[in-house]
Amino acid sequence: MKKLSIIIFIFLLPATILADEKVKEKKVAKYIMENIQKDYLDCYSFYKVAAESFKKAGKDQGIIKNLENSADVSLKYNYDLGEIMGLNPEVMAEMTKTKIDTFVKMANKDFSSLAKKYGLMCKSLVENPEQRTNYWEQKGSKIIK
């Protein structure tokens, strides 16, 4: 009977480990999606605030157009991911409004710090989303057990 228990344990161990790995993979995938969606929300807000700031400052229309295009891309992916995650469009709209208000306050205090914190990250996210996905995957794999 003891041998039978050991044999069953040996056969079930890989299945248990595999099941744990699948659970971890799902948790990491959710973590990645949630954080990328937040990144797109941050970037949309950053680009909208930057475009408005540049308009008020009378900057080059080409720069403003690029900022607005990047905002549009960020908003689209923010909503696409939110929809996949099951977020209600009204909830996403409220989250977006709140985030923009936060970024406006930050820009009014110190636009330079806002640009420093979000400028390169957002540029990278829009131009190469895979890099940011890899960042969140590595981070999620470390913290999720």
Protein backbone atom coordinates (compact mmCIF):
# COMPACT_ATOMS: atom_id res chain seq x y z
CA MET A 1 0.00 0.00 0.00
CA LYS A 2 2.85 2.34 0.84
CA LYS A 3 4.48 1.66 -2.57
CA LEU A 4 1.19 2.41 -4.30
CA SER A 5 0.95 5.73 -2.48
CA ILE A 6 4.51 6.63 -3.50
CA ILE A 7 3.85 5.68 -7.12
CA ILE A 8 0.64 7.77 -7.19
CA PHE A 9 2.49 10.68 -5.60
CA ILE A 10 5.30 10.48 -8.18
CA PHE A 11 2.80 10.44 -11.06
CA LEU A 12 0.69 13.27 -9.64
CA LEU A 13 3.60 15.55 -8.72
CA PRO A 14 4.30 16.74 -12.29
CA ALA A 15 0.59 17.41 -12.81
CA THR A 16 0.49 19.44 -9.60
CA ILE A 17 3.58 21.41 -10.59
CA LEU A 18 2.14 21.97 -14.06
CA ALA A 19 -1.15 23.17 -12.58
CA ASP A 20 0.72 25.60 -10.33
CA GLU A 21 2.67 26.90 -13.33
CA LYS A 22 -0.55 27.45 -15.30
CA VAL A 23 -2.05 29.39 -12.40
CA LYS A 24 1.11 31.49 -12.16
CA GLU A 25 1.09 32.12 -15.93
CA LYS A 26 -2.52 33.33 -15.73
CA LYS A 27 -1.71 35.62 -12.81
CA VAL A 28 1.34 37.02 -14.61
CA ALA A 29 -0.70 37.55 -17.79
CA LYS A 30 -3.35 39.44 -15.81
CA TYR A 31 -0.63 41.49 -14.11
CA ILE A 32 0.90 42.39 -17.48
CA MET A 33 -2.44 43.37 -18.99
CA GLU A 34 -3.47 45.51 -16.02
CA ASN A 35 -0.15 47.35 -15.97
CA ILE A 36 0.06 47.88 -19.72
CA GLN A 37 -3.50 49.23 -19.67
CA LYS A 38 -2.48 51.67 -16.90
CA ASP A 39 0.61 52.63 -18.91
CA TYR A 40 -1.56 53.44 -21.93
CA LEU A 41 -3.86 55.51 -19.73
CA ASP A 42 -0.86 57.39 -18.31
CA CYS A 43 0.54 57.94 -21.78
CA TYR A 44 -2.76 59.14 -23.21
CA SER A 45 -3.01 61.64 -20.36
CA PHE A 46 0.61 62.70 -20.76
CA TYR A 47 0.29 63.23 -24.51
CA LYS A 48 -2.99 65.18 -24.20
CA VAL A 49 -1.57 67.46 -21.52
CA ALA A 50 1.69 67.92 -23.44
CA ALA A 51 -0.19 68.74 -26.67
CA GLU A 52 -2.31 71.34 -24.87
CA SER A 53 0.75 72.83 -23.17
CA PHE A 54 2.55 73.09 -26.49
CA LYS A 55 -0.51 74.67 -28.13
CA LYS A 56 -0.66 77.33 -25.41
CA ALA A 57 3.07 77.95 -25.79
CA GLY A 58 2.68 78.38 -29.57
CA LYS A 59 4.98 75.50 -30.45
CA ASP A 60 5.39 73.89 -33.86
CA GLN A 61 2.17 72.35 -35.23
CA GLY A 62 4.07 69.22 -36.34
CA ILE A 63 5.09 68.46 -32.76
CA ILE A 64 1.54 69.04 -31.53
CA LYS A 65 0.14 66.78 -34.25
CA ASN A 66 2.59 64.00 -33.30
CA LEU A 67 1.63 64.32 -29.63
CA GLU A 68 -2.06 64.14 -30.51
CA ASN A 69 -1.48 61.10 -32.74
CA SER A 70 0.39 59.36 -29.93
CA ALA A 71 -2.48 60.25 -27.57
CA ASP A 72 -4.96 58.67 -29.99
CA VAL A 73 -2.91 55.47 -30.23
CA SER A 74 -2.59 55.29 -26.45
CA LEU A 75 -6.31 55.86 -25.92
CA LYS A 76 -7.24 53.17 -28.44
CA TYR A 77 -5.03 50.56 -26.77
CA ASN A 78 -6.14 51.68 -23.31
CA TYR A 79 -9.77 51.03 -24.27
CA ASP A 80 -9.00 47.83 -26.19
CA LEU A 81 -7.23 46.35 -23.17
CA GLY A 82 -9.89 47.63 -20.80
CA GLU A 83 -12.55 45.94 -22.92
CA ILE A 84 -10.62 42.66 -22.89
CA MET A 85 -10.36 42.96 -19.10
CA GLY A 86 -14.12 43.50 -18.87
CA LEU A 87 -14.04 47.14 -17.80
CA ASN A 88 -17.18 49.14 -18.41
CA PRO A 89 -16.69 52.00 -20.95
CA GLU A 90 -18.21 54.50 -18.49
CA VAL A 91 -15.74 53.38 -15.83
CA MET A 92 -12.86 53.75 -18.30
CA ALA A 93 -14.07 57.22 -19.29
CA GLU A 94 -14.15 58.27 -15.64
CA MET A 95 -10.68 56.79 -15.04
CA THR A 96 -9.41 58.71 -18.07
CA LYS A 97 -10.93 62.00 -16.91
CA THR A 98 -9.49 61.55 -13.42
CA LYS A 99 -6.04 60.72 -14.78
CA ILE A 100 -6.02 63.74 -17.10
CA ASP A 101 -7.01 65.99 -14.20
CA THR A 102 -4.12 64.55 -12.19
CA PHE A 103 -1.68 65.14 -15.05
CA VAL A 104 -2.91 68.72 -15.56
CA LYS A 105 -2.17 69.44 -11.89
CA MET A 106 1.26 67.82 -12.21
CA ALA A 107 2.01 69.81 -15.38
CA ASN A 108 0.96 73.06 -13.74
CA LYS A 109 3.33 72.39 -10.86
CA ASP A 110 6.31 71.17 -12.87
CA PHE A 111 5.88 70.18 -16.52
CA SER A 112 9.56 69.32 -16.80
CA SER A 113 9.27 66.61 -14.13
CA LEU A 114 6.15 65.23 -15.80
CA ALA A 115 7.94 65.06 -19.15
CA LYS A 116 10.98 63.45 -17.56
CA LYS A 117 8.89 60.81 -15.81
CA TYR A 118 6.60 59.88 -18.71
CA GLY A 119 8.16 61.15 -21.95
CA LEU A 120 10.60 58.35 -22.76
CA MET A 121 8.44 55.59 -21.31
CA CYS A 122 5.45 56.69 -23.38
CA LYS A 123 7.51 57.11 -26.53
CA SER A 124 8.83 53.59 -26.06
CA LEU A 125 5.36 52.21 -25.31
CA VAL A 126 3.85 53.67 -28.47
CA GLU A 127 6.79 52.78 -30.72
CA ASN A 128 7.69 49.41 -29.22
CA PRO A 129 4.94 47.99 -26.96
CA GLU A 130 6.66 44.60 -26.82
CA GLN A 131 9.51 46.11 -24.80
CA ARG A 132 7.11 47.37 -22.13
CA THR A 133 5.24 44.06 -22.15
CA ASN A 134 8.54 42.27 -21.50
CA TYR A 135 9.27 44.70 -18.66
CA TRP A 136 5.96 43.88 -16.94
CA GLU A 137 6.37 40.16 -17.62
CA GLN A 138 9.78 40.09 -15.95
CA LYS A 139 8.51 42.11 -13.01
CA GLY A 140 5.36 39.97 -12.67
CA SER A 141 7.36 36.72 -12.84
CA LYS A 142 9.52 37.92 -9.95
CA ILE A 143 6.74 39.02 -7.62
CA ILE A 144 4.02 36.46 -8.41
CA LYS A 145 4.62 33.05 -6.91
